[in-house]
Amino acid sequence: MVGIRERFGSLIDSAPKTKHTGNDDGDHERFSHYADKAKIVESAVTGKAIRALCGKKWIPTRDPQNFPVCPTCKEIYSRLKQ
């Protein structure tokens, strides 16, 4: 069985960049997000958008190490670990 840490990874560890694909207030652009590692890899290969735990949908294209972790993703991830 795959554990939570293995299933969901931080984009900081798994994908080098992010790109916005929707129309919202832009706050999501200021954060790194958590997403399913398999989806991150798939997006890197196919260029398809993925969805973060917080609901943001985007194509990884920016270096997430330059941004803090999304507080909503972080909160959801901490609840999943319990």
N, C-alpha and C. Protein backbone atom coordinates (compact mmCIF):
# COMPACT_ATOMS: atom_id res chain seq x y z
N MET A 1 0.85 -1.19 0.00
CA MET A 1 0.00 0.00 0.00
C MET A 1 0.89 1.24 0.00
N VAL A 2 0.51 2.20 -0.79
CA VAL A 2 1.28 3.44 -0.90
C VAL A 2 0.84 4.39 0.21
N GLY A 3 1.81 4.93 0.95
CA GLY A 3 1.52 5.87 2.02
C GLY A 3 1.24 7.26 1.49
N ILE A 4 0.74 8.11 2.35
CA ILE A 4 0.40 9.48 1.98
C ILE A 4 1.62 10.22 1.45
N ARG A 5 2.76 10.09 2.12
CA ARG A 5 3.98 10.79 1.67
C ARG A 5 4.39 10.34 0.28
N GLU A 6 4.21 9.07 -0.02
CA GLU A 6 4.59 8.56 -1.33
C GLU A 6 3.60 9.00 -2.40
N ARG A 7 2.33 9.09 -2.04
CA ARG A 7 1.30 9.43 -3.03
C ARG A 7 1.29 10.93 -3.35
N PHE A 8 1.42 11.76 -2.33
CA PHE A 8 1.40 13.20 -2.54
C PHE A 8 2.78 13.75 -2.25
N GLY A 9 3.29 14.51 -3.18
CA GLY A 9 4.62 15.08 -3.00
C GLY A 9 4.58 16.57 -3.15
N SER A 10 5.52 17.21 -2.56
CA SER A 10 5.65 18.64 -2.74
C SER A 10 6.25 18.91 -4.10
N LEU A 11 5.76 19.90 -4.77
CA LEU A 11 6.34 20.28 -6.04
C LEU A 11 7.78 20.73 -5.87
N ILE A 12 8.12 21.13 -4.68
CA ILE A 12 9.51 21.51 -4.41
C ILE A 12 10.41 20.31 -4.68
N ASP A 13 9.96 19.12 -4.34
CA ASP A 13 10.75 17.92 -4.53
C ASP A 13 10.54 17.29 -5.90
N SER A 14 9.39 17.54 -6.53
CA SER A 14 9.00 16.71 -7.66
C SER A 14 8.91 17.39 -9.02
N ALA A 15 8.69 18.67 -9.06
CA ALA A 15 8.55 19.33 -10.35
C ALA A 15 9.25 20.68 -10.30
N PRO A 16 9.97 21.02 -11.31
CA PRO A 16 10.78 22.23 -11.25
C PRO A 16 10.04 23.55 -11.41
N LYS A 17 8.86 23.56 -12.03
CA LYS A 17 8.26 24.84 -12.35
C LYS A 17 6.73 24.78 -12.33
N THR A 18 6.05 25.96 -12.25
CA THR A 18 4.60 26.00 -12.31
C THR A 18 4.15 27.10 -13.26
N LYS A 19 2.98 26.91 -13.87
CA LYS A 19 2.40 27.90 -14.78
C LYS A 19 0.90 27.98 -14.51
N HIS A 20 0.37 29.18 -14.41
CA HIS A 20 -1.05 29.39 -14.14
C HIS A 20 -1.87 29.12 -15.39
N THR A 21 -3.01 28.43 -15.23
CA THR A 21 -3.86 28.15 -16.39
C THR A 21 -5.29 28.66 -16.23
N GLY A 22 -5.62 29.30 -15.12
CA GLY A 22 -6.99 29.75 -14.90
C GLY A 22 -7.06 31.24 -14.68
N ASN A 23 -8.28 31.73 -14.48
CA ASN A 23 -8.48 33.14 -14.19
C ASN A 23 -8.95 33.29 -12.76
N ASP A 24 -8.04 33.68 -11.87
CA ASP A 24 -8.42 33.95 -10.49
C ASP A 24 -7.61 35.14 -10.01
N ASP A 25 -7.55 35.34 -8.70
CA ASP A 25 -6.89 36.53 -8.17
C ASP A 25 -5.37 36.48 -8.22
N GLY A 26 -4.80 35.36 -8.64
CA GLY A 26 -3.36 35.27 -8.79
C GLY A 26 -2.60 34.86 -7.55
N ASP A 27 -3.26 34.71 -6.40
CA ASP A 27 -2.56 34.33 -5.18
C ASP A 27 -1.85 33.00 -5.32
N HIS A 28 -2.42 32.09 -6.10
CA HIS A 28 -1.82 30.78 -6.27
C HIS A 28 -0.43 30.87 -6.91
N GLU A 29 -0.18 31.92 -7.66
CA GLU A 29 1.10 32.08 -8.32
C GLU A 29 2.22 32.37 -7.34
N ARG A 30 1.88 32.68 -6.12
CA ARG A 30 2.88 33.03 -5.12
C ARG A 30 3.29 31.84 -4.26
N PHE A 31 2.77 30.65 -4.56
CA PHE A 31 3.01 29.49 -3.72
C PHE A 31 3.45 28.26 -4.51
N SER A 32 4.16 27.38 -3.83
CA SER A 32 4.40 26.02 -4.32
C SER A 32 3.25 25.18 -3.80
N HIS A 33 2.85 24.17 -4.56
CA HIS A 33 1.68 23.38 -4.20
C HIS A 33 2.02 21.90 -4.06
N TYR A 34 1.15 21.19 -3.32
CA TYR A 34 1.25 19.74 -3.21
C TYR A 34 0.32 19.10 -4.23
N ALA A 35 0.81 18.05 -4.89
CA ALA A 35 0.01 17.32 -5.87
C ALA A 35 0.48 15.87 -5.90
N ASP A 36 -0.34 15.01 -6.47
CA ASP A 36 -0.01 13.59 -6.62
C ASP A 36 1.27 13.47 -7.46
N LYS A 37 2.26 12.74 -6.94
CA LYS A 37 3.55 12.62 -7.65
C LYS A 37 3.39 12.04 -9.05
N ALA A 38 2.52 11.06 -9.19
CA ALA A 38 2.30 10.45 -10.51
C ALA A 38 1.77 11.49 -11.49
N LYS A 39 0.90 12.37 -11.02
CA LYS A 39 0.34 13.42 -11.88
C LYS A 39 1.41 14.46 -12.24
N ILE A 40 2.32 14.73 -11.31
CA ILE A 40 3.41 15.66 -11.58
C ILE A 40 4.29 15.12 -12.70
N VAL A 41 4.62 13.84 -12.59
CA VAL A 41 5.45 13.19 -13.62
C VAL A 41 4.71 13.19 -14.95
N GLU A 42 3.43 12.83 -14.92
CA GLU A 42 2.62 12.82 -16.15
C GLU A 42 2.60 14.20 -16.80
N SER A 43 2.43 15.24 -15.99
CA SER A 43 2.40 16.60 -16.52
C SER A 43 3.74 16.98 -17.15
N ALA A 44 4.82 16.55 -16.54
CA ALA A 44 6.15 16.84 -17.09
C ALA A 44 6.33 16.20 -18.47
N VAL A 45 5.72 15.02 -18.65
CA VAL A 45 5.85 14.30 -19.92
C VAL A 45 4.86 14.82 -20.96
N THR A 46 3.61 15.02 -20.55
CA THR A 46 2.55 15.36 -21.50
C THR A 46 2.25 16.85 -21.63
N GLY A 47 2.61 17.63 -20.60
CA GLY A 47 2.28 19.05 -20.61
C GLY A 47 0.85 19.33 -20.18
N LYS A 48 0.14 18.31 -19.69
CA LYS A 48 -1.24 18.49 -19.24
C LYS A 48 -1.27 19.13 -17.85
N ALA A 49 -2.33 19.89 -17.60
CA ALA A 49 -2.51 20.54 -16.30
C ALA A 49 -2.79 19.49 -15.22
N ILE A 50 -2.36 19.80 -14.00
CA ILE A 50 -2.63 18.94 -12.85
C ILE A 50 -3.36 19.76 -11.79
N ARG A 51 -3.93 19.07 -10.80
CA ARG A 51 -4.66 19.75 -9.74
C ARG A 51 -3.96 19.53 -8.40
N ALA A 52 -3.71 20.62 -7.69
CA ALA A 52 -3.10 20.57 -6.36
C ALA A 52 -4.15 20.19 -5.32
N LEU A 53 -3.68 19.86 -4.12
CA LEU A 53 -4.61 19.53 -3.04
C LEU A 53 -5.59 20.67 -2.77
N CYS A 54 -5.15 21.91 -2.95
CA CYS A 54 -6.00 23.07 -2.68
C CYS A 54 -7.03 23.31 -3.79
N GLY A 55 -6.89 22.61 -4.91
CA GLY A 55 -7.83 22.77 -6.01
C GLY A 55 -7.27 23.54 -7.20
N LYS A 56 -6.14 24.19 -7.04
CA LYS A 56 -5.54 24.94 -8.15
C LYS A 56 -5.17 23.98 -9.26
N LYS A 57 -5.48 24.37 -10.48
CA LYS A 57 -5.14 23.57 -11.66
C LYS A 57 -4.12 24.36 -12.48
N TRP A 58 -3.00 23.71 -12.81
CA TRP A 58 -1.93 24.39 -13.54
C TRP A 58 -0.99 23.40 -14.19
N ILE A 59 -0.12 23.93 -15.05
CA ILE A 59 0.93 23.14 -15.68
C ILE A 59 2.25 23.56 -15.04
N PRO A 60 2.98 22.62 -14.44
CA PRO A 60 4.25 22.99 -13.79
C PRO A 60 5.26 23.58 -14.79
N THR A 61 5.70 24.83 -14.54
CA THR A 61 6.71 25.47 -15.38
C THR A 61 7.64 26.40 -14.61
N ARG A 62 7.42 26.64 -13.33
CA ARG A 62 8.28 27.54 -12.55
C ARG A 62 8.99 26.77 -11.44
N ASP A 63 10.09 27.34 -10.97
CA ASP A 63 10.85 26.73 -9.89
C ASP A 63 10.13 26.98 -8.56
N PRO A 64 9.53 25.94 -7.96
CA PRO A 64 8.76 26.12 -6.73
C PRO A 64 9.63 26.43 -5.52
N GLN A 65 10.93 26.23 -5.62
CA GLN A 65 11.81 26.54 -4.49
C GLN A 65 11.87 28.05 -4.23
N ASN A 66 11.41 28.83 -5.18
CA ASN A 66 11.39 30.28 -5.01
C ASN A 66 10.13 30.78 -4.30
N PHE A 67 9.24 29.87 -3.92
CA PHE A 67 7.96 30.24 -3.34
C PHE A 67 7.69 29.46 -2.05
N PRO A 68 6.94 30.05 -1.12
CA PRO A 68 6.54 29.30 0.07
C PRO A 68 5.46 28.27 -0.30
N VAL A 69 5.30 27.26 0.55
CA VAL A 69 4.27 26.24 0.30
C VAL A 69 2.90 26.86 0.52
N CYS A 70 1.97 26.53 -0.36
CA CYS A 70 0.58 27.00 -0.26
C CYS A 70 0.01 26.62 1.11
N PRO A 71 -0.51 27.57 1.89
CA PRO A 71 -1.04 27.24 3.21
C PRO A 71 -2.22 26.27 3.15
N THR A 72 -3.04 26.37 2.12
CA THR A 72 -4.19 25.46 2.00
C THR A 72 -3.71 24.05 1.71
N CYS A 73 -2.77 23.90 0.78
CA CYS A 73 -2.20 22.57 0.50
C CYS A 73 -1.56 21.99 1.75
N LYS A 74 -0.81 22.82 2.46
CA LYS A 74 -0.10 22.37 3.66
C LYS A 74 -1.09 21.88 4.72
N GLU A 75 -2.18 22.61 4.92
CA GLU A 75 -3.20 22.23 5.90
C GLU A 75 -3.87 20.91 5.50
N ILE A 76 -4.26 20.79 4.25
CA ILE A 76 -4.91 19.56 3.77
C ILE A 76 -3.96 18.38 3.90
N TYR A 77 -2.70 18.57 3.52
CA TYR A 77 -1.70 17.51 3.60
C TYR A 77 -1.50 17.05 5.04
N SER A 78 -1.46 18.00 5.98
CA SER A 78 -1.26 17.64 7.39
C SER A 78 -2.44 16.83 7.92
N ARG A 79 -3.65 17.13 7.45
CA ARG A 79 -4.82 16.35 7.87
C ARG A 79 -4.80 14.96 7.26
N LEU A 80 -4.27 14.81 6.04
CA LEU A 80 -4.19 13.50 5.40
C LEU A 80 -3.22 12.58 6.14
N LYS A 81 -2.16 13.15 6.71
CA LYS A 81 -1.15 12.36 7.40
C LYS A 81 -1.67 11.77 8.70
N GLN A 82 -2.72 12.33 9.29
CA GLN A 82 -3.22 11.88 10.60
C GLN A 82 -3.98 10.61 10.52
